[in-house]
Protein backbone atom coordinates (compact mmCIF):
# COMPACT_ATOMS: atom_id res chain seq x y z
CA MET A 1 -20.75 -30.90 12.16
CA ILE A 2 -17.39 -32.02 10.84
CA ASN A 3 -14.81 -28.95 9.72
CA TRP A 4 -13.42 -29.84 6.37
CA ASN A 5 -11.93 -26.19 6.23
CA GLY A 6 -7.99 -26.19 5.63
CA LEU A 7 -8.26 -29.92 4.60
CA GLY A 8 -6.67 -29.34 1.33
CA SER A 9 -3.82 -27.08 2.78
CA LEU A 10 -2.98 -30.45 4.83
CA LEU A 11 -2.95 -32.58 2.32
CA LEU A 12 -0.70 -30.42 0.18
CA ALA A 13 1.35 -29.83 3.12
CA CYS A 14 1.71 -33.40 3.58
CA MET A 15 3.00 -34.11 0.32
CA GLU A 16 5.49 -31.21 -0.13
CA PHE A 17 6.84 -32.20 3.60
CA ILE A 18 7.24 -35.98 2.07
CA LEU A 19 8.98 -34.32 -0.96
CA LEU A 20 11.28 -32.02 0.75
CA LEU A 21 11.95 -35.17 2.91
CA ASN A 22 13.35 -37.19 -0.64
CA LEU A 23 14.74 -33.90 -1.75
CA LEU A 24 16.84 -33.75 1.08
CA ILE A 25 18.01 -37.24 1.22
CA PHE A 26 18.33 -38.45 -2.66
CA SER A 27 19.08 -34.87 -4.10
CA GLU A 28 23.09 -33.84 -5.19
CA LYS A 29 23.87 -31.62 -2.52
CA ASN A 30 25.34 -28.21 -4.34
CA LYS A 31 24.11 -24.71 -4.14
CA ILE A 32 21.39 -24.33 -6.97
CA ASN A 33 19.71 -27.56 -5.18
CA PHE A 34 20.11 -26.36 -2.27
CA LEU A 35 17.83 -22.89 -3.19
CA GLY A 36 15.40 -25.72 -4.62
CA ILE A 37 14.51 -27.15 -1.68
CA ILE A 38 14.17 -24.28 0.16
CA LEU A 39 11.35 -23.06 -1.74
CA VAL A 40 9.77 -26.40 -1.45
CA GLY A 41 10.42 -25.87 2.10
CA ILE A 42 8.56 -22.57 2.08
CA LEU A 43 5.26 -23.79 0.24
CA ALA A 44 5.24 -26.35 2.85
CA VAL A 45 5.25 -24.46 5.63
CA TYR A 46 2.65 -21.89 4.16
CA GLN A 47 0.32 -24.84 3.58
CA ALA A 48 0.94 -26.32 7.13
CA LEU A 49 -0.26 -22.53 8.39
CA GLU A 50 -3.09 -22.40 6.44
CA PHE A 51 -4.20 -25.56 7.79
CA LEU A 52 -3.72 -24.19 11.09
CA MET A 53 -5.59 -21.40 10.46
CA CYS A 54 -8.55 -22.93 9.15
CA ALA A 55 -9.07 -26.33 10.54
CA LEU A 56 -7.86 -25.44 14.22
CA ASN A 57 -9.48 -21.98 14.13
CA LEU A 58 -6.36 -20.34 14.93
CA LYS A 59 -7.23 -17.14 13.18
CA TYR A 60 -5.10 -15.13 14.81
CA SER A 61 -3.50 -11.77 13.31
CA TYR A 62 0.36 -13.12 13.57
CA MET A 63 -0.72 -16.00 11.79
CA ALA A 64 -1.68 -14.35 9.18
CA TYR A 65 1.49 -12.23 9.22
CA LEU A 66 3.44 -15.56 9.49
CA ALA A 67 1.50 -17.22 6.57
CA PHE A 68 2.79 -13.97 4.55
CA LEU A 69 6.25 -13.37 5.69
CA ASP A 70 6.67 -17.02 4.87
CA ILE A 71 5.02 -16.70 1.11
CA SER A 72 6.56 -13.05 0.61
CA PHE A 73 10.15 -14.48 0.05
CA LEU A 74 8.86 -16.98 -2.30
CA PRO A 75 8.58 -14.57 -5.50
CA PRO A 76 12.27 -13.08 -5.00
CA LEU A 77 13.92 -16.35 -3.56
CA ASN A 78 13.01 -18.12 -7.07
CA LEU A 79 14.18 -15.51 -9.14
CA TYR A 80 17.29 -15.59 -7.54
CA PHE A 81 17.36 -19.55 -7.80
CA ILE A 82 17.09 -19.03 -11.55
CA LEU A 83 19.67 -16.40 -12.00
CA LYS A 84 22.36 -18.20 -10.19
CA TYR A 85 21.15 -21.58 -12.18
CA PHE A 86 22.19 -19.14 -15.02
CA ARG A 87 25.07 -17.75 -13.18
CA ARG A 88 23.94 -14.08 -13.51
CA ASN A 89 25.65 -13.58 -10.52
CA HIS A 90 25.49 -9.57 -9.75
CA LYS A 91 25.81 -7.98 -6.81
CA LEU A 92 22.35 -6.33 -7.16
CA ASN A 93 20.65 -9.77 -7.31
CA LYS A 94 20.58 -9.80 -3.49
CA ALA A 95 18.19 -6.58 -3.97
CA LEU A 96 15.79 -8.94 -5.34
CA PHE A 97 14.73 -9.45 -1.53
CA ILE A 98 14.39 -5.79 -0.46
CA PRO A 99 10.59 -5.05 -0.98
CA ALA A 100 9.78 -8.49 0.59
CA LEU A 101 12.29 -7.24 3.52
CA ALA A 102 10.25 -3.56 3.80
CA PHE A 103 6.79 -5.78 3.75
CA ALA A 104 8.10 -7.92 6.50
CA VAL A 105 8.86 -4.90 8.84
CA TYR A 106 6.06 -2.64 7.63
CA TYR A 107 3.51 -6.07 8.11
CA TYR A 108 4.87 -6.53 11.75
CA LEU A 109 4.33 -2.90 12.64
CA VAL A 110 0.64 -3.21 11.60
CA MET A 111 -0.17 -6.95 12.38
CA ASP A 112 -3.30 -6.07 14.14
CA LYS A 113 -4.42 -5.19 10.69
CA PHE A 114 -4.19 -8.83 9.47
CA ALA A 115 -7.30 -11.07 9.27
CA VAL A 116 -8.24 -14.29 7.73
CA VAL A 117 -11.74 -13.28 6.43
CA SER A 118 -13.05 -16.84 5.33
CA CYS A 119 -11.51 -20.17 5.07
CA SER A 120 -12.44 -23.22 2.55
CA VAL A 121 -11.11 -26.66 1.84
CA LEU A 122 -8.96 -25.37 -0.58
CA TYR A 123 -8.03 -21.69 0.13
CA ALA A 124 -8.01 -18.94 2.55
CA SER A 125 -9.15 -14.99 2.20
CA TYR A 126 -7.11 -12.46 4.33
CA SER A 127 -7.47 -8.80 5.19
CA TYR A 128 -4.42 -7.03 4.91
CA PRO A 129 -2.74 -3.50 4.04
CA LEU A 130 -1.47 -2.44 1.06
CA GLY A 131 -3.38 -5.28 -0.75
CA SER A 132 -2.78 -3.99 -4.21
CA PHE A 133 1.25 -2.51 -3.92
CA TYR A 134 1.89 -5.96 -2.42
CA GLY A 135 0.51 -7.61 -4.94
CA PHE A 136 2.72 -5.72 -7.35
CA PHE A 137 6.02 -6.54 -6.07
CA TYR A 138 5.07 -10.24 -5.09
CA TYR A 139 3.84 -10.84 -8.84
CA ALA A 140 6.47 -8.71 -10.57
CA PRO A 141 9.45 -11.27 -10.02
CA VAL A 142 7.06 -14.09 -11.23
CA VAL A 143 6.54 -12.39 -14.64
CA TYR A 144 10.61 -11.34 -15.01
CA ALA A 145 11.17 -14.93 -14.25
CA ILE A 146 8.70 -16.22 -16.88
CA ILE A 147 10.55 -14.06 -19.14
CA PHE A 148 13.76 -14.45 -18.49
CA LEU A 149 13.56 -18.27 -18.82
CA CYS A 150 11.94 -17.85 -22.26
CA ILE A 151 14.93 -16.15 -23.34
CA ARG A 152 17.27 -18.44 -22.19
CA ILE A 153 16.16 -21.37 -22.96
CA ARG A 154 16.03 -20.35 -26.65
CA GLN A 155 19.64 -19.34 -25.90
CA THR A 156 21.29 -22.34 -24.54
CA ASN A 157 22.56 -25.36 -26.37
CA ASP A 158 22.90 -27.55 -23.59
CA GLU A 159 19.91 -29.85 -23.78
CA THR A 160 19.64 -30.85 -19.88
CA LYS A 161 19.95 -27.35 -19.01
CA LYS A 162 17.12 -26.85 -21.72
CA LYS A 163 14.86 -29.51 -20.06
CA LEU A 164 15.36 -28.18 -16.68
CA SER A 165 14.60 -24.55 -17.94
CA LYS A 166 11.37 -26.04 -19.85
CA ILE A 167 10.05 -27.75 -16.94
CA LEU A 168 10.62 -24.93 -14.59
CA LEU A 169 9.03 -22.35 -17.06
CA GLY A 170 6.05 -24.99 -17.52
CA GLY A 171 5.73 -24.69 -13.65
CA LEU A 172 5.62 -21.04 -13.35
CA LEU A 173 3.18 -20.86 -16.46
CA PHE A 174 0.92 -23.00 -14.22
CA VAL A 175 1.25 -21.26 -11.46
CA SER A 176 0.32 -17.84 -13.05
CA LEU A 177 -3.36 -18.99 -14.23
CA PRO A 178 -4.95 -17.71 -10.99
CA VAL A 179 -3.75 -14.48 -11.50
CA ILE A 180 -4.21 -14.36 -15.04
CA ALA A 181 -7.72 -15.66 -14.10
CA ALA A 182 -8.54 -12.90 -11.41
CA PHE A 183 -7.25 -10.10 -13.66
CA ILE A 184 -9.65 -11.32 -16.45
CA LEU A 185 -12.30 -11.40 -13.99
CA LEU A 186 -11.39 -7.88 -12.16
CA ALA A 187 -12.07 -6.38 -15.68
CA PHE A 188 -15.68 -7.37 -15.52
CA HIS A 189 -15.91 -6.13 -12.27
CA ASN A 190 -15.90 -9.25 -10.44
CA ASP A 191 -12.96 -8.78 -7.94
CA LYS A 192 -13.65 -12.44 -5.68
CA LEU A 193 -10.57 -14.47 -7.00
CA LEU A 194 -8.49 -11.61 -7.01
CA ALA A 195 -9.27 -11.49 -2.95
CA VAL A 196 -7.60 -15.15 -2.49
CA THR A 197 -5.21 -15.45 -5.33
CA GLU A 198 -2.22 -15.44 -3.14
CA SER A 199 -3.82 -18.72 -1.36
CA ILE A 200 -4.76 -20.29 -4.35
CA MET A 201 -1.44 -19.47 -6.09
CA CYS A 202 -0.05 -21.49 -3.25
CA LYS A 203 -2.16 -24.53 -4.10
CA PHE A 204 -1.14 -23.98 -7.93
CA ALA A 205 2.54 -24.17 -6.65
CA PHE A 206 2.18 -27.93 -5.51
CA VAL A 207 2.76 -28.56 -9.51
CA TYR A 208 6.23 -26.18 -9.17
CA ALA A 209 7.14 -27.92 -6.16
CA VAL A 210 7.05 -31.12 -8.07
CA CYS A 211 9.11 -29.39 -10.82
CA LEU A 212 11.64 -28.19 -8.33
CA GLY A 213 11.73 -31.49 -7.21
CA TYR A 214 12.61 -33.12 -10.39
CA PHE A 215 14.70 -30.57 -11.09
CA THR A 216 17.01 -31.10 -7.92
CA LEU A 217 16.74 -34.50 -8.67
CA ILE A 218 18.56 -34.16 -12.28
CA ASN A 219 20.82 -31.93 -11.57
CA LYS A 220 23.81 -32.62 -10.77
CA LYS A 221 26.17 -29.71 -11.63
CA ALA A 222 27.12 -27.01 -9.07
CA VAL A 223 28.31 -24.74 -11.96
CA TYR A 224 27.21 -23.75 -15.58
CA GLU A 225 28.03 -21.68 -18.33
């Protein structure tokens, strides 16, 4: 029987790596765009790891750990990227990465507790320590980024900046749909979607990768108001 598990991850990984290559070639080279390109790269690497685990049956603890290590830095880096875009260059911005670093160290120490529970064509589910605690620190920067963009879009008079900010906001809202759906289902005592939310979010995040790609191709300025 043909193993179709991970096929969706492979498809998205290929498209995101192609997008990444194009951005490296054609986008304006500045610090803001560089952060956007890194975000696309993080998403592509995660999809590649999920494909390896599900399609090639490399369901080792260290593979699941690498996947979580990869995506753990995605929300804080994205928020850092957005703050830099609006020149909110506070020294404390780098503290955004502390929770991700703490989880990286802790999860390394308990790596043997990581497991790939199941796979499908589109997503994987994992078993790992402190799932709810991790989820809070994972989703909090996404929520803050959405609120911050909503406020700044209303305040800015730069039409190009407003347009690009709306694109980023739309992408983040789309990525948030699985989380919203998971908590709605949880209210009805159904936690099946919550168990695979990280994986499904990364599938939805392909749309955000496209938004980031558009951003970096249009964005020509390294410094903003």
